[in-house]
Each structure stands twice: as C-alpha cells, then as structure tokens.
C-alpha cells in the first residue's frame, strides 16, 4: 500500500514539476513579447513626436507672409568667410 502511495506521490511531483516548467517558459515567452511590444510602442511614440514637431515647423514657415520670404540674409546658403 505504501508503495502505491509513493508511486502516486512521485507521479504527482513529476506532473507538478512539468507544469511548473511549462509555466516558467511561458512566462519567459510572454516577457519577451511584452518587451518587443514596448519597443514598438516607444517607436510609434517617437514617430508621433517627430510628426508633431514637423507640423509645428511647417506651421511656422506657413505663417510667414509671402513678402517676408524675400527678406533672406545674404549668407544664408554659404558660410561666412
């Protein structure tokens, strides 16, 4: 009788060990996926910030009246000697 109890306990321990191992690896996989998604979200956030910055810059240029575009400094393209 005790032999069967020991075998049942051993099988239960092996089953629990297998389940724990599966959950450990599943947790590692989910953490890696979470890190990858965080990186993608941060990339999207950076792109949005760049788009907003570009829109602000475009709006500043668009706000200049057409007559103001003729007032260009003489050395704007070439560096000063």
N, C-alpha and C. Protein backbone atom coordinates (compact mmCIF):
# COMPACT_ATOMS: atom_id res chain seq x y z
N UNK A 1 0.82 -1.19 0.00
CA UNK A 1 0.00 0.00 0.00
C UNK A 1 0.87 1.26 0.00
N UNK A 2 1.90 1.27 0.83
CA UNK A 2 2.77 2.45 0.86
C UNK A 2 3.54 2.59 -0.44
N UNK A 3 3.79 1.46 -1.11
CA UNK A 3 4.49 1.52 -2.38
C UNK A 3 3.65 2.30 -3.40
N UNK A 4 2.36 2.04 -3.45
CA UNK A 4 1.47 2.76 -4.37
C UNK A 4 1.35 4.23 -4.01
N UNK A 5 1.36 4.51 -2.73
CA UNK A 5 1.29 5.91 -2.29
C UNK A 5 2.56 6.65 -2.71
N UNK A 6 3.72 5.98 -2.59
CA UNK A 6 4.97 6.61 -3.00
C UNK A 6 5.01 6.83 -4.52
N UNK A 7 4.53 5.85 -5.28
CA UNK A 7 4.49 5.99 -6.74
C UNK A 7 3.54 7.12 -7.13
N UNK A 8 2.40 7.19 -6.47
CA UNK A 8 1.44 8.26 -6.77
C UNK A 8 2.03 9.62 -6.42
N UNK A 9 2.76 9.70 -5.31
CA UNK A 9 3.40 10.96 -4.91
C UNK A 9 4.48 11.35 -5.92
N UNK A 10 5.24 10.35 -6.38
CA UNK A 10 6.28 10.62 -7.37
C UNK A 10 5.68 11.12 -8.68
N UNK A 11 4.62 10.46 -9.15
CA UNK A 11 3.95 10.89 -10.38
C UNK A 11 3.38 12.30 -10.22
N UNK A 12 2.80 12.57 -9.05
CA UNK A 12 2.26 13.91 -8.80
C UNK A 12 3.37 14.96 -8.81
N UNK A 13 4.51 14.65 -8.19
CA UNK A 13 5.63 15.59 -8.18
C UNK A 13 6.16 15.82 -9.58
N UNK A 14 6.27 14.75 -10.38
CA UNK A 14 6.73 14.92 -11.76
C UNK A 14 5.74 15.75 -12.57
N UNK A 15 4.47 15.52 -12.36
CA UNK A 15 3.46 16.32 -13.05
C UNK A 15 3.51 17.78 -12.66
N UNK A 16 3.65 18.03 -11.37
CA UNK A 16 3.75 19.42 -10.91
C UNK A 16 5.03 20.09 -11.41
N UNK A 17 6.11 19.31 -11.43
CA UNK A 17 7.37 19.85 -11.96
C UNK A 17 7.26 20.21 -13.44
N UNK A 18 6.59 19.32 -14.20
CA UNK A 18 6.38 19.61 -15.62
C UNK A 18 5.51 20.83 -15.83
N UNK A 19 4.45 20.94 -15.02
CA UNK A 19 3.57 22.11 -15.13
C UNK A 19 4.32 23.38 -14.75
N UNK A 20 5.13 23.32 -13.71
CA UNK A 20 5.90 24.49 -13.30
C UNK A 20 6.91 24.88 -14.39
N UNK A 21 7.54 23.88 -15.00
CA UNK A 21 8.50 24.16 -16.07
C UNK A 21 7.79 24.81 -17.26
N UNK A 22 6.63 24.31 -17.64
CA UNK A 22 5.87 24.90 -18.73
C UNK A 22 5.51 26.35 -18.42
N UNK A 23 5.03 26.59 -17.20
CA UNK A 23 4.65 27.95 -16.83
C UNK A 23 5.86 28.88 -16.79
N UNK A 24 7.02 28.38 -16.37
CA UNK A 24 8.24 29.17 -16.34
C UNK A 24 8.62 29.61 -17.76
N UNK A 25 8.60 28.66 -18.69
CA UNK A 25 8.94 29.00 -20.08
C UNK A 25 7.89 29.89 -20.72
N UNK A 26 6.64 29.66 -20.40
CA UNK A 26 5.56 30.50 -20.94
C UNK A 26 5.72 31.93 -20.44
N UNK A 27 6.08 32.09 -19.16
CA UNK A 27 6.29 33.41 -18.58
C UNK A 27 7.46 34.12 -19.28
N UNK A 28 8.52 33.38 -19.57
CA UNK A 28 9.67 33.98 -20.27
C UNK A 28 9.26 34.42 -21.68
N UNK A 29 8.45 33.61 -22.34
CA UNK A 29 7.98 33.97 -23.68
C UNK A 29 7.12 35.23 -23.64
N UNK A 30 6.23 35.29 -22.68
CA UNK A 30 5.36 36.46 -22.56
C UNK A 30 6.15 37.71 -22.20
N UNK A 31 7.17 37.58 -21.39
CA UNK A 31 8.02 38.74 -21.07
C UNK A 31 8.74 39.24 -22.31
N UNK A 32 9.24 38.31 -23.14
CA UNK A 32 9.92 38.72 -24.37
C UNK A 32 8.95 39.42 -25.31
N UNK A 33 7.74 38.89 -25.44
CA UNK A 33 6.73 39.54 -26.28
C UNK A 33 6.37 40.92 -25.73
N UNK A 34 6.28 41.03 -24.41
CA UNK A 34 5.96 42.31 -23.78
C UNK A 34 7.07 43.33 -24.06
N UNK A 35 8.32 42.89 -23.97
CA UNK A 35 9.44 43.80 -24.26
C UNK A 35 9.41 44.25 -25.72
N UNK A 36 9.12 43.31 -26.62
CA UNK A 36 9.06 43.66 -28.04
C UNK A 36 7.94 44.66 -28.31
N UNK A 37 6.79 44.44 -27.69
CA UNK A 37 5.68 45.37 -27.88
C UNK A 37 5.98 46.74 -27.28
N UNK A 38 6.66 46.76 -26.14
CA UNK A 38 7.04 48.04 -25.53
C UNK A 38 7.97 48.83 -26.46
N UNK A 39 8.90 48.12 -27.09
CA UNK A 39 9.81 48.78 -28.02
C UNK A 39 9.04 49.34 -29.21
N UNK A 40 8.08 48.57 -29.72
CA UNK A 40 7.28 49.05 -30.86
C UNK A 40 6.45 50.26 -30.47
N UNK A 41 5.86 50.25 -29.27
CA UNK A 41 5.06 51.40 -28.82
C UNK A 41 5.94 52.62 -28.66
N UNK A 42 7.14 52.45 -28.10
CA UNK A 42 8.05 53.58 -27.95
C UNK A 42 8.47 54.13 -29.32
N UNK A 43 8.64 53.24 -30.29
CA UNK A 43 8.97 53.70 -31.65
C UNK A 43 7.83 54.51 -32.25
N UNK A 44 6.61 54.03 -32.04
CA UNK A 44 5.44 54.77 -32.55
C UNK A 44 5.33 56.13 -31.87
N UNK A 45 5.60 56.17 -30.58
CA UNK A 45 5.54 57.43 -29.84
C UNK A 45 6.58 58.41 -30.37
N UNK A 46 7.77 57.91 -30.66
CA UNK A 46 8.81 58.78 -31.21
C UNK A 46 8.42 59.31 -32.58
N UNK A 47 7.81 58.44 -33.40
CA UNK A 47 7.36 58.90 -34.72
C UNK A 47 6.29 59.96 -34.60
N UNK A 48 5.38 59.79 -33.66
CA UNK A 48 4.33 60.79 -33.46
C UNK A 48 4.94 62.12 -33.03
N UNK A 49 5.92 62.06 -32.13
CA UNK A 49 6.58 63.30 -31.69
C UNK A 49 7.29 63.98 -32.86
N UNK A 50 7.91 63.19 -33.73
CA UNK A 50 8.56 63.78 -34.91
C UNK A 50 7.55 64.41 -35.86
N UNK A 51 6.41 63.76 -36.03
CA UNK A 51 5.37 64.32 -36.89
C UNK A 51 4.85 65.63 -36.32
N UNK A 52 4.62 65.66 -35.00
CA UNK A 52 4.13 66.88 -34.36
C UNK A 52 5.16 68.00 -34.50
N UNK A 53 6.43 67.67 -34.28
CA UNK A 53 7.49 68.67 -34.41
C UNK A 53 7.55 69.19 -35.85
N UNK A 54 7.42 68.29 -36.83
CA UNK A 54 7.44 68.70 -38.23
C UNK A 54 6.24 69.58 -38.57
N UNK A 55 5.08 69.25 -38.03
CA UNK A 55 3.89 70.07 -38.28
C UNK A 55 4.06 71.47 -37.69
N UNK A 56 4.63 71.55 -36.49
CA UNK A 56 4.86 72.87 -35.89
C UNK A 56 5.82 73.69 -36.73
N UNK A 57 6.88 73.04 -37.20
CA UNK A 57 7.84 73.74 -38.04
C UNK A 57 7.19 74.20 -39.35
N UNK A 58 6.39 73.33 -39.94
CA UNK A 58 5.69 73.71 -41.17
C UNK A 58 4.73 74.87 -40.92
N UNK A 59 4.04 74.85 -39.79
CA UNK A 59 3.12 75.94 -39.48
C UNK A 59 3.85 77.26 -39.28
N UNK A 60 5.06 77.20 -38.68
CA UNK A 60 5.84 78.43 -38.52
C UNK A 60 6.24 78.99 -39.89
N UNK A 61 6.64 78.13 -40.79
CA UNK A 61 7.02 78.58 -42.13
C UNK A 61 5.80 79.09 -42.89
N UNK A 62 4.67 78.38 -42.75
CA UNK A 62 3.45 78.80 -43.44
C UNK A 62 2.90 80.12 -42.90
N UNK A 63 3.25 80.45 -41.67
CA UNK A 63 2.75 81.69 -41.07
C UNK A 63 3.50 82.93 -41.57
N UNK A 64 4.64 82.72 -42.22
CA UNK A 64 5.41 83.85 -42.75
C UNK A 64 4.67 84.39 -43.97
N UNK A 65 4.42 85.70 -44.01
CA UNK A 65 3.75 86.26 -45.20
C UNK A 65 4.66 86.13 -46.41
N UNK A 66 4.06 86.13 -47.58
CA UNK A 66 4.83 85.94 -48.81
C UNK A 66 5.88 87.04 -49.00
N UNK A 67 5.56 88.25 -48.57
CA UNK A 67 6.55 89.32 -48.68
C UNK A 67 7.73 89.09 -47.74
N UNK A 68 7.50 88.39 -46.63
CA UNK A 68 8.57 88.11 -45.69
C UNK A 68 9.56 87.07 -46.20
N UNK A 69 9.17 86.33 -47.22
CA UNK A 69 10.07 85.32 -47.76
C UNK A 69 11.17 85.92 -48.62
N UNK A 70 11.00 87.18 -48.99
CA UNK A 70 12.02 87.83 -49.81
C UNK A 70 13.15 88.38 -48.95
N UNK A 71 12.94 88.50 -47.67
CA UNK A 71 13.97 89.03 -46.77
C UNK A 71 14.91 87.89 -46.35
N UNK A 72 15.82 87.54 -47.23
CA UNK A 72 16.75 86.44 -46.98
C UNK A 72 18.12 87.03 -46.69
N UNK A 73 18.77 86.60 -45.62
CA UNK A 73 20.11 87.10 -45.33
C UNK A 73 21.07 86.72 -46.46
N UNK A 74 22.09 87.55 -46.69
CA UNK A 74 22.98 87.33 -47.84
C UNK A 74 23.79 86.03 -47.70
N UNK A 75 24.14 85.63 -46.52
CA UNK A 75 24.96 84.43 -46.37
C UNK A 75 24.18 83.23 -45.89
N UNK A 76 22.93 83.12 -46.25
CA UNK A 76 22.11 82.03 -45.72
C UNK A 76 22.51 80.67 -46.25
N UNK A 77 23.07 80.62 -47.46
CA UNK A 77 23.42 79.34 -48.04
C UNK A 77 24.90 79.01 -47.80
N UNK A 78 25.73 80.01 -47.99
CA UNK A 78 27.17 79.78 -47.83
C UNK A 78 27.62 80.28 -46.46
N UNK A 79 28.55 79.58 -45.83
CA UNK A 79 29.04 80.07 -44.54
C UNK A 79 29.83 81.36 -44.70
N UNK A 80 29.85 82.15 -43.66
CA UNK A 80 30.61 83.40 -43.70
C UNK A 80 32.10 83.09 -43.76
N UNK A 81 32.83 83.88 -44.55
CA UNK A 81 34.29 83.63 -44.64
C UNK A 81 35.02 84.03 -43.40
